[in-house]
Protein backbone atom coordinates (compact mmCIF):
# COMPACT_ATOMS: atom_id res chain seq x y z
CA MET A 1 -10.99 -19.06 5.14
CA MET A 2 -7.54 -18.46 3.68
CA ILE A 3 -6.00 -15.03 3.67
CA ASN A 4 -3.49 -14.12 0.98
CA THR A 5 -0.54 -12.63 2.85
CA ASN A 6 2.15 -12.41 0.21
CA LYS A 7 4.32 -9.29 0.15
CA LEU A 8 2.57 -7.75 -2.85
CA ASP A 9 -0.87 -8.11 -1.28
CA ILE A 10 0.33 -6.55 1.97
CA ALA A 11 1.91 -3.61 0.13
CA VAL A 12 -1.32 -2.98 -1.81
CA ARG A 13 -3.37 -3.14 1.40
CA PHE A 14 -1.05 -0.58 3.04
CA TYR A 15 -1.47 1.68 -0.02
CA GLN A 16 -5.26 1.41 0.22
CA PHE A 17 -5.23 2.01 3.98
CA PHE A 18 -2.98 5.08 3.86
CA THR A 19 -4.81 6.68 0.93
CA TYR A 20 -8.10 6.10 2.78
CA LEU A 21 -6.66 7.84 5.85
CA TYR A 22 -5.39 10.70 3.68
CA PHE A 23 -8.77 11.33 2.07
CA LYS A 24 -10.51 11.03 5.43
CA THR A 25 -8.16 13.35 7.37
CA GLY A 26 -6.34 15.42 4.73
CA ASN A 27 -3.00 14.72 6.44
CA TYR A 28 -0.23 14.61 3.81
CA GLU A 29 1.87 12.23 5.92
CA TYR A 30 -0.63 9.49 5.05
CA TRP A 31 -0.38 10.38 1.35
CA ILE A 32 3.41 10.07 1.45
CA LYS A 33 3.19 6.70 3.23
CA GLY A 34 0.64 5.55 0.65
CA ILE A 35 2.94 6.52 -2.22
CA LYS A 36 5.83 4.65 -0.54
CA ALA A 37 3.63 1.56 -0.21
CA LEU A 38 2.61 1.85 -3.87
CA ASP A 39 6.27 2.14 -4.87
CA GLU A 40 7.03 -1.00 -2.86
CA ALA A 41 4.15 -2.81 -4.58
CA ILE A 42 5.48 -1.78 -8.00
CA ASN A 43 8.98 -3.00 -7.11
CA LEU A 44 7.61 -6.32 -5.84
CA ARG A 45 5.59 -6.72 -9.03
CA LYS A 46 8.74 -6.15 -11.09
CA GLU A 47 10.50 -8.85 -9.05
CA GLY A 48 7.76 -11.31 -9.95
CA TYR A 49 5.60 -11.48 -6.84
């Protein structure tokens, strides 16, 4: 089984993980980390990843 570990995939997984933690706990620190991960994913997408 191959796992896709490019930078864009990792950034999206971090976004999903942190937003899951935010909705589960209600802690805004997770929301902020999720938004930062989403921003990183957007920047990577613009760079062509």
